[in-house]
Amino acid sequence: MSILFIDGRMGVSAMKLLGALVDMMEQPHEFIRQFNGAGFDGLRMERRSDSTGGVSGTRIEFNRISEDELYDDELDDDDDDDDDDDEGGGFFSFGKKKRRSSSSGHHHDSSKKRSLSDVREIIEDLKLSGKARKRSIDIYTKIAEAASKTHGRSLDEVTLHRAGSRDVIAAVVGVCMILEDLKPEKIIATPVTVGTGYISSTAGSTKIPTPTVKELLGDMPYTDGREEGELCTLDGAAILSEYVNEFLDSPDIAVIKTGIGIGARSYKTGANCTRVSVGREIKTSANSTVAELSATLFNDGVDALGLTGEKLRELGVLEAYTEAVADLLGGSGVVLRCICNSDVADEAAAAIIKNTSATYVRRSDVSAYKMEIVDEIKDTRLGEIKISRASGFGTTKVIIDPEFIERAAREHNISIDEARYRIRKEII
């Protein structure tokens, strides 16, 4: 299972989360080119490397572009698709074109007071996939509904203030575009840190977290932390509410890629960043039940044990081995142990009783940690070789069938070690 993990212990905002997701990309310029062709009139995404508190990552800015550049970009992007393809684009594949050079100059419109309908109109006019558009609107609907509830106003009367600035709208849309391309099977986040102190608002000074942020967080776990200021913004809380499936301090995943998004201001007590990781789930819990058979044998020779081993192998048992024991009542012998799937346990017990001196076989059904195994036949310079690929718990192993190694050694007149070395070098 593919997992996206959001580390929100230093807060979450749409801008920092977007920076972290872009920082993970193999070809970030391709996504930026696609984003800048989505139709944000007068606004262009820029990416730059930055650091905070000794941590390096990506910082996202949205800058103003001239009308001439905007017109050129529109001509350049006439063939952009606007489909709703359910197939993932691989690990962040966003097309083949290179991004045009951009202009500088910061652009903010935080003073613009927008309603939910204003934001919805902006998003609906963009060239996006249907899913990214819907998710973006859903996030803003959550914000508006939370504000409506905490301020006692209808949705039409709610003003989105900073969450409605064009920069924040663009960041939210960018996050939705990337997550819809990445398509993680599950999104996990840490309990988010919201910050301490007070924040200025139209109603005066409001304690952090603000009532609207608390409404958005709902029953999501969060902590105040030690840093003064608002670490979890309205847009950050709404994104978590929309996307996160589970909250854990540290999930068991085999990390493939990590990205860090850098915030604008400096923190006194840590790094102003959000970290994201993509990986595969590591299943550490027991995932199967097997039967363990054991029998104490006396006076069984090598031939009897060899024949028993062949019969057990034919049944497909997982393990079979002997351990020397001393009988306290007199004599000595071996304990034969057999591990097998439950559906063949009866036949395996019958084979042990039939071919050895055992008069009874003990059975225990136990939980087991079992890797998934796929058998393959590989053509090598030493002939056909049977291998088994075992995967699970964050580990992959290649096991070569010993019989095929022995056969290759005999046929090519080489040692077992030499045959094993050549085969492993060729197929692994």
Protein backbone atom coordinates (compact mmCIF):
# COMPACT_ATOMS: atom_id res chain seq x y z
CA MET A 1 0.00 0.00 0.00
CA SER A 2 1.37 3.43 -0.96
CA ILE A 3 1.40 5.90 1.94
CA LEU A 4 1.77 9.69 2.02
CA PHE A 5 2.94 10.86 5.45
CA ILE A 6 2.56 14.51 6.50
CA ASP A 7 4.72 15.63 9.42
CA GLY A 8 2.79 18.58 10.84
CA ARG A 9 4.72 18.97 14.09
CA MET A 10 5.89 22.43 12.99
CA GLY A 11 2.50 23.38 11.60
CA VAL A 12 0.71 23.01 8.28
CA SER A 13 -0.36 25.56 5.69
CA ALA A 14 -1.26 25.11 2.03
CA MET A 15 1.88 27.01 1.02
CA LYS A 16 4.29 24.89 3.09
CA LEU A 17 2.55 21.65 2.10
CA LEU A 18 2.76 22.65 -1.57
CA GLY A 19 6.47 23.38 -1.15
CA ALA A 20 7.05 19.97 0.42
CA LEU A 21 5.18 18.13 -2.36
CA VAL A 22 7.07 20.05 -5.06
CA ASP A 23 10.34 19.35 -3.22
CA MET A 24 9.65 15.60 -3.56
CA MET A 25 9.29 15.74 -7.33
CA GLU A 26 11.80 14.33 -9.79
CA GLN A 27 10.91 17.10 -12.28
CA PRO A 28 9.38 20.00 -10.35
CA HIS A 29 9.70 22.39 -13.30
CA GLU A 30 7.24 20.25 -15.26
CA PHE A 31 4.58 20.60 -12.59
CA ILE A 32 5.24 24.34 -12.29
CA ARG A 33 4.84 24.69 -16.07
CA GLN A 34 1.54 22.83 -15.90
CA PHE A 35 0.34 24.89 -12.95
CA ASN A 36 1.26 28.17 -14.64
CA GLY A 37 -0.81 27.09 -17.63
CA ALA A 38 -3.89 26.45 -15.50
CA GLY A 39 -5.20 30.00 -15.89
CA PHE A 40 -4.31 32.01 -12.79
CA ASP A 41 -4.36 35.38 -14.57
CA GLY A 42 -1.47 37.59 -13.51
CA LEU A 43 0.01 35.01 -11.14
CA ARG A 44 2.94 32.66 -11.66
CA MET A 45 4.36 30.03 -9.33
CA GLU A 46 8.09 30.26 -8.56
CA ARG A 47 10.19 27.75 -6.67
CA ARG A 48 13.42 28.43 -4.82
CA SER A 49 15.66 26.59 -2.40
CA ASP A 50 15.55 27.90 1.15
CA SER A 51 16.40 26.84 4.68
CA THR A 52 15.04 27.34 8.17
CA GLY A 53 16.53 26.30 11.50
CA GLY A 54 19.23 24.28 9.72
CA VAL A 55 16.68 22.44 7.53
CA SER A 56 16.80 22.85 3.74
CA GLY A 57 13.86 22.52 1.39
CA THR A 58 11.66 24.30 -1.15
CA ARG A 59 9.86 27.59 -0.73
CA ILE A 60 6.98 28.48 -3.06
CA GLU A 61 6.16 32.04 -4.08
CA PHE A 62 3.53 33.45 -6.42
CA ASN A 63 4.71 36.39 -8.50
CA ARG A 64 3.10 38.89 -10.86
CA ILE A 65 3.56 38.54 -14.62
CA SER A 66 2.96 41.09 -17.33
CA GLU A 67 0.09 40.95 -19.81
CA ASP A 68 2.52 40.17 -22.65
CA GLU A 69 3.95 37.18 -20.79
CA LEU A 70 0.46 36.03 -19.87
CA TYR A 71 -0.58 36.16 -23.55
CA ASP A 72 2.54 34.22 -24.58
CA ASP A 73 1.84 31.57 -21.96
CA GLU A 74 -1.73 31.18 -23.16
CA LEU A 75 -0.46 30.55 -26.68
CA ASP A 76 2.13 28.12 -25.36
CA ASP A 77 -0.45 26.09 -23.41
CA ASP A 78 -3.20 25.66 -26.01
CA ASP A 79 -2.67 21.90 -26.13
CA ASP A 80 -2.91 21.27 -22.38
CA ASP A 81 -5.32 18.48 -21.52
CA ASP A 82 -8.29 18.96 -19.22
CA ASP A 83 -9.31 15.35 -18.78
CA ASP A 84 -10.10 13.35 -15.67
CA ASP A 85 -7.80 10.39 -16.17
CA ASP A 86 -8.00 7.89 -13.32
CA GLU A 87 -4.62 6.39 -14.14
CA GLY A 88 -1.77 7.68 -12.01
CA GLY A 89 0.97 9.66 -13.75
CA GLY A 90 3.71 7.57 -12.21
CA PHE A 91 5.77 9.23 -9.48
CA PHE A 92 4.98 12.84 -10.34
CA SER A 93 5.10 12.80 -14.14
CA PHE A 94 3.54 15.99 -15.44
CA GLY A 95 4.24 16.13 -19.17
CA LYS A 96 7.23 16.90 -21.34
CA LYS A 97 7.35 20.66 -21.97
CA LYS A 98 9.87 22.95 -20.34
CA ARG A 99 8.72 25.96 -18.36
CA ARG A 100 9.10 29.44 -19.83
CA SER A 101 11.16 31.98 -17.95
CA SER A 102 9.15 34.01 -15.43
CA SER A 103 9.24 37.55 -14.14
CA SER A 104 9.87 38.67 -10.60
CA GLY A 105 7.92 40.90 -8.27
CA HIS A 106 5.83 39.69 -5.39
CA HIS A 107 2.11 39.78 -5.72
CA HIS A 108 -0.35 39.51 -2.85
CA ASP A 109 -4.02 40.35 -2.61
CA SER A 110 -4.74 39.41 0.99
CA SER A 111 -6.81 42.58 1.35
CA LYS A 112 -9.28 41.30 -1.25
CA LYS A 113 -12.41 40.11 0.54
CA ARG A 114 -13.80 37.05 -1.20
CA SER A 115 -16.80 34.89 -0.48
CA LEU A 116 -17.13 31.18 -1.13
CA SER A 117 -18.90 31.89 -4.43
CA ASP A 118 -16.03 34.19 -5.49
CA VAL A 119 -13.46 31.47 -4.78
CA ARG A 120 -15.58 28.82 -6.45
CA GLU A 121 -15.79 30.97 -9.59
CA ILE A 122 -11.99 31.40 -9.66
CA ILE A 123 -11.40 27.65 -9.30
CA GLU A 124 -14.07 26.65 -11.82
CA ASP A 125 -12.43 28.87 -14.46
CA LEU A 126 -9.07 27.07 -14.11
CA LYS A 127 -7.85 24.33 -16.42
CA LEU A 128 -7.83 21.43 -13.96
CA SER A 129 -8.83 17.80 -13.83
CA GLY A 130 -12.34 17.30 -12.53
CA LYS A 131 -11.10 15.69 -9.32
CA ALA A 132 -8.57 18.42 -8.50
CA ARG A 133 -11.24 21.07 -9.11
CA LYS A 134 -13.78 19.29 -6.90
CA ARG A 135 -11.29 18.74 -4.07
CA SER A 136 -10.24 22.42 -4.16
CA ILE A 137 -13.84 23.59 -3.95
CA ASP A 138 -14.60 21.06 -1.20
CA ILE A 139 -11.72 22.45 0.88
CA TYR A 140 -13.04 25.99 0.57
CA THR A 141 -16.55 24.80 1.32
CA LYS A 142 -15.21 23.31 4.58
CA ILE A 143 -13.58 26.62 5.47
CA ALA A 144 -16.74 28.60 4.71
CA GLU A 145 -18.98 26.18 6.63
CA ALA A 146 -16.67 26.30 9.67
CA ALA A 147 -16.60 30.12 9.57
CA SER A 148 -20.37 30.21 9.13
CA LYS A 149 -20.83 28.08 12.24
CA THR A 150 -18.36 29.95 14.46
CA HIS A 151 -19.48 33.46 13.40
CA GLY A 152 -23.19 32.73 13.21
CA ARG A 153 -23.53 33.87 9.60
CA SER A 154 -24.92 32.28 6.47
CA LEU A 155 -22.51 30.91 3.87
CA ASP A 156 -23.26 33.87 1.58
CA GLU A 157 -22.29 36.31 4.33
CA VAL A 158 -18.96 34.66 5.19
CA THR A 159 -15.82 36.52 4.11
CA LEU A 160 -12.76 34.31 3.70
CA HIS A 161 -10.17 37.05 4.43
CA ARG A 162 -6.60 35.60 4.28
CA ALA A 163 -7.77 32.15 3.20
CA GLY A 164 -9.41 33.86 0.23
CA SER A 165 -6.25 35.58 -1.02
CA ARG A 166 -5.17 34.56 -4.49
CA ASP A 167 -1.87 33.17 -3.18
CA VAL A 168 -3.63 30.82 -0.77
CA ILE A 169 -6.21 29.78 -3.36
CA ALA A 170 -3.35 28.98 -5.75
CA ALA A 171 -1.53 26.96 -3.05
CA VAL A 172 -4.64 24.94 -2.21
CA VAL A 173 -5.25 24.19 -5.89
CA GLY A 174 -1.59 23.20 -6.34
CA VAL A 175 -1.78 20.75 -3.43
CA CYS A 176 -4.93 19.17 -4.89
CA MET A 177 -3.35 18.88 -8.35
CA ILE A 178 -0.33 17.02 -6.95
CA LEU A 179 -2.29 14.71 -4.66
CA GLU A 180 -4.65 13.77 -7.47
CA ASP A 181 -1.66 12.92 -9.67
CA LEU A 182 0.18 11.01 -6.96
CA LYS A 183 -2.92 9.06 -5.86
CA PRO A 184 -1.64 7.68 -2.52
CA GLU A 185 -3.74 4.81 -1.24
CA LYS A 186 -3.63 6.28 2.25
CA ILE A 187 -2.63 9.61 3.81
CA ILE A 188 -1.34 9.65 7.39
CA ALA A 189 -0.39 12.74 9.40
CA THR A 190 1.08 13.48 12.79
CA PRO A 191 -1.03 15.39 15.30
CA VAL A 192 -0.67 18.95 14.00
CA THR A 193 0.93 21.73 16.04
CA VAL A 194 -1.30 24.82 16.03
CA GLY A 195 0.85 27.35 17.92
CA THR A 196 0.27 29.58 20.97
CA GLY A 197 -0.66 33.17 21.71
CA TYR A 198 -3.12 35.42 19.93
CA ILE A 199 -3.80 36.51 16.38
CA SER A 200 -5.32 39.76 15.12
CA SER A 201 -8.66 39.45 13.34
CA THR A 202 -11.61 41.61 12.34
CA ALA A 203 -13.14 40.81 15.74
CA GLY A 204 -9.99 41.90 17.58
CA SER A 205 -7.43 39.66 19.26
CA THR A 206 -8.30 35.96 19.04
CA LYS A 207 -6.64 33.11 20.91
CA ILE A 208 -4.79 30.46 18.87
CA PRO A 209 -6.18 28.16 17.62
CA THR A 210 -9.01 30.37 16.43
CA PRO A 211 -12.55 29.05 16.76
CA THR A 212 -12.77 28.45 13.01
CA VAL A 213 -9.50 26.46 12.96
CA LYS A 214 -10.75 24.41 15.95
CA GLU A 215 -14.01 23.76 14.12
CA LEU A 216 -12.08 22.54 11.06
CA LEU A 217 -9.82 20.33 13.16
CA GLY A 218 -12.88 18.70 14.76
CA ASP A 219 -11.72 15.52 16.49
CA MET A 220 -8.31 15.56 14.81
CA PRO A 221 -5.49 15.41 17.39
CA TYR A 222 -3.43 18.58 17.79
CA THR A 223 -0.96 20.17 20.19
CA ASP A 224 -0.22 23.80 21.04
CA GLY A 225 3.57 23.49 20.91
CA ARG A 226 5.98 26.15 22.18
CA GLU A 227 6.08 28.54 19.23
CA GLU A 228 4.09 31.78 19.37
CA GLY A 229 1.91 32.48 16.36
CA GLU A 230 -0.51 30.58 14.15
CA LEU A 231 1.25 27.43 12.91
CA CYS A 232 -1.82 25.72 11.48
CA THR A 233 -3.75 27.99 9.14
CA LEU A 234 -7.38 27.70 8.04
CA ASP A 235 -6.30 26.29 4.68
CA GLY A 236 -3.88 23.86 6.34
CA ALA A 237 -6.56 22.54 8.70
CA ALA A 238 -9.06 22.22 5.85
CA ILE A 239 -6.61 20.24 3.70
CA LEU A 240 -5.93 17.85 6.60
CA SER A 241 -9.67 17.46 7.16
CA GLU A 242 -10.24 16.73 3.45
CA TYR A 243 -7.41 14.27 2.82
CA VAL A 244 -5.99 12.61 5.96
CA ASN A 245 -7.20 9.09 6.74
CA GLU A 246 -5.33 8.50 10.00
CA PHE A 247 -3.21 10.35 12.57
CA LEU A 248 -0.07 8.66 13.92
CA ASP A 249 3.19 9.92 15.43
CA SER A 250 5.27 7.65 13.21
CA PRO A 251 3.78 5.12 10.77
CA ASP A 252 5.63 1.97 9.67
CA ILE A 253 6.58 2.80 6.09
CA ALA A 254 9.58 2.14 3.87
CA VAL A 255 10.28 5.70 2.69
CA ILE A 256 10.85 6.22 -1.04
CA LYS A 257 11.02 10.01 -1.22
CA THR A 258 10.90 12.96 1.19
CA GLY A 259 10.19 16.65 0.62
CA ILE A 260 10.34 19.72 2.86
CA GLY A 261 8.32 22.90 2.41
CA ILE A 262 9.75 26.07 3.95
CA GLY A 263 7.57 28.83 5.46
CA ALA A 264 8.09 32.58 5.16
CA ARG A 265 8.79 33.63 8.76
CA SER A 266 11.44 32.44 11.20
CA TYR A 267 10.57 30.43 14.30
CA LYS A 268 12.31 30.98 17.63
CA THR A 269 12.03 27.36 18.75
CA GLY A 270 12.45 25.30 15.59
CA ALA A 271 12.27 25.06 11.82
CA ASN A 272 9.30 26.63 10.02
CA CYS A 273 8.62 23.74 7.68
CA THR A 274 6.30 20.91 6.79
CA ARG A 275 7.82 17.56 5.84
CA VAL A 276 6.12 14.95 3.65
CA SER A 277 7.23 11.43 2.76
CA VAL A 278 6.00 8.84 0.28
CA GLY A 279 6.58 5.15 0.95
CA ARG A 280 5.21 1.66 1.12
CA GLU A 281 3.47 0.24 4.15
CA ILE A 282 5.53 -2.13 6.30
CA LYS A 283 3.25 -4.76 7.75
CA THR A 284 4.72 -5.70 11.10
CA SER A 285 1.78 -7.66 12.49
CA ALA A 286 1.30 -11.40 12.15
CA ASN A 287 -0.50 -12.04 8.86
CA SER A 288 -1.04 -15.79 8.77
CA THR A 289 -1.54 -18.95 10.84
CA VAL A 290 0.60 -22.06 10.37
CA ALA A 291 0.69 -25.51 11.96
CA GLU A 292 3.77 -26.65 13.86
CA LEU A 293 4.13 -30.43 14.07
CA SER A 294 6.65 -32.22 16.26
CA ALA A 295 7.44 -35.87 17.02
CA THR A 296 10.14 -37.53 19.12
CA LEU A 297 11.94 -40.29 17.21
CA PHE A 298 14.23 -43.09 18.46
CA ASN A 299 16.38 -45.43 16.37
CA ASP A 300 15.38 -43.85 13.02
CA GLY A 301 18.22 -44.08 10.54
CA VAL A 302 19.31 -41.63 7.86
CA ASP A 303 17.28 -43.50 5.20
CA ALA A 304 14.03 -43.22 7.15
CA LEU A 305 14.57 -39.54 7.86
CA GLY A 306 15.51 -38.88 4.23
CA LEU A 307 12.36 -40.61 2.94
CA THR A 308 10.22 -38.67 5.43
CA GLY A 309 11.79 -35.42 4.27
CA GLU A 310 10.96 -36.24 0.63
CA LYS A 311 7.32 -36.96 1.50
CA LEU A 312 7.04 -33.71 3.43
CA ARG A 313 8.58 -31.75 0.58
CA GLU A 314 6.05 -33.24 -1.85
CA LEU A 315 3.29 -31.94 0.41
CA GLY A 316 4.77 -28.43 0.23
CA VAL A 317 5.68 -27.98 3.88
CA LEU A 318 7.47 -24.74 4.73
CA GLU A 319 10.17 -26.19 7.00
CA ALA A 320 11.26 -29.62 8.25
CA TYR A 321 14.29 -30.28 10.47
CA THR A 322 15.50 -32.40 13.39
CA GLU A 323 17.01 -31.53 16.78
CA ALA A 324 19.03 -33.95 18.91
CA VAL A 325 17.47 -34.70 22.31
CA ALA A 326 18.28 -36.86 25.33
CA ASP A 327 15.35 -38.79 26.82
CA LEU A 328 15.38 -38.43 30.61
CA LEU A 329 13.69 -41.85 30.81
CA GLY A 330 16.62 -43.41 29.01
CA GLY A 331 18.01 -43.38 25.49
CA SER A 332 18.49 -40.60 22.97
CA GLY A 333 16.98 -39.56 19.69
CA VAL A 334 15.79 -36.57 17.68
CA VAL A 335 12.75 -34.32 17.59
CA LEU A 336 11.38 -33.90 14.09
CA ARG A 337 9.77 -30.49 13.61
CA CYS A 338 7.63 -29.53 10.65
CA ILE A 339 6.10 -26.13 9.84
CA CYS A 340 3.32 -26.21 7.26
CA ASN A 341 0.13 -24.51 6.17
CA SER A 342 -2.90 -25.66 8.16
CA ASP A 343 -4.57 -27.28 5.14
CA VAL A 344 -1.79 -29.88 4.76
CA ALA A 345 -1.13 -30.50 8.47
CA ASP A 346 -3.15 -33.74 8.60
CA GLU A 347 -1.35 -35.22 5.60
CA ALA A 348 2.05 -34.14 6.96
CA ALA A 349 1.29 -35.78 10.33
CA ALA A 350 0.23 -39.00 8.56
CA ALA A 351 3.49 -39.00 6.54
CA ILE A 352 5.55 -38.63 9.72
CA ILE A 353 3.72 -41.49 11.48
CA LYS A 354 3.93 -43.76 8.44
CA ASN A 355 7.63 -43.31 7.68
CA THR A 356 9.18 -42.98 11.17
CA SER A 357 9.05 -44.64 14.58
CA ALA A 358 6.66 -41.93 15.88
CA THR A 359 3.47 -43.18 17.51
CA TYR A 360 1.96 -39.72 17.86
CA VAL A 361 2.56 -36.22 16.45
CA ARG A 362 1.99 -33.04 18.43
CA ARG A 363 0.33 -30.10 16.68
CA SER A 364 0.22 -26.38 17.55
CA ASP A 365 -1.45 -23.68 15.45
CA VAL A 366 0.62 -20.50 15.75
CA SER A 367 0.54 -16.97 14.33
CA ALA A 368 3.28 -16.26 11.82
CA TYR A 369 4.87 -13.37 9.97
CA LYS A 370 4.82 -14.58 6.40
CA MET A 371 6.32 -12.89 3.36
CA GLU A 372 4.55 -13.04 0.01
CA ILE A 373 6.41 -15.44 -2.29
CA VAL A 374 6.26 -15.58 -6.09
CA ASP A 375 8.09 -18.36 -7.96
CA GLU A 376 9.75 -17.70 -11.32
CA ILE A 377 11.83 -19.62 -13.87
CA LYS A 378 14.78 -17.61 -15.20
CA ASP A 379 16.91 -18.35 -18.25
CA THR A 380 20.59 -18.00 -17.40
CA ARG A 381 23.90 -18.94 -18.98
CA LEU A 382 23.83 -22.01 -16.73
CA GLY A 383 20.36 -23.02 -17.91
CA GLU A 384 16.89 -22.57 -16.44
CA ILE A 385 16.93 -21.65 -12.75
CA LYS A 386 13.98 -21.57 -10.38
CA ILE A 387 13.91 -18.60 -8.04
CA SER A 388 11.46 -17.33 -5.44
CA ARG A 389 10.93 -13.61 -4.80
CA ALA A 390 9.81 -12.97 -1.22
CA SER A 391 8.48 -9.54 -0.27
CA GLY A 392 6.98 -8.05 2.85
CA PHE A 393 7.74 -6.08 6.02
CA GLY A 394 9.79 -3.56 4.00
CA THR A 395 12.13 -6.27 2.68
CA THR A 396 12.57 -8.11 -0.63
CA LYS A 397 14.61 -11.31 -0.97
CA VAL A 398 15.57 -13.53 -3.89
CA ILE A 399 15.91 -17.23 -3.05
CA ILE A 400 17.49 -19.62 -5.56
CA ASP A 401 16.28 -23.22 -5.51
CA PRO A 402 19.23 -25.38 -4.27
CA GLU A 403 18.33 -28.26 -6.63
CA PHE A 404 18.79 -26.02 -9.66
CA ILE A 405 22.13 -24.80 -8.33
CA GLU A 406 23.32 -28.39 -7.86
CA ARG A 407 22.15 -29.35 -11.35
CA ALA A 408 23.93 -26.35 -12.90
CA ALA A 409 27.14 -27.23 -11.03
CA ARG A 410 27.06 -30.85 -12.31
CA GLU A 411 26.20 -29.94 -15.90
CA HIS A 412 28.93 -27.29 -16.16
CA ASN A 413 31.52 -29.11 -14.04
CA ILE A 414 31.91 -26.28 -11.53
CA SER A 415 31.58 -26.08 -7.76
CA ILE A 416 28.33 -25.36 -5.98
CA ASP A 417 29.73 -22.04 -4.74
CA GLU A 418 30.79 -21.04 -8.26
CA ALA A 419 27.36 -21.95 -9.68
CA ARG A 420 25.57 -19.98 -6.95
CA TYR A 421 27.85 -16.96 -7.52
CA ARG A 422 27.30 -16.91 -11.29
CA ILE A 423 23.54 -17.31 -11.00
CA ARG A 424 23.16 -14.58 -8.38
CA LYS A 425 25.36 -12.20 -10.35
CA GLU A 426 23.21 -12.70 -13.44
CA ILE A 427 19.69 -12.55 -12.01
CA ILE A 428 19.96 -10.26 -8.97
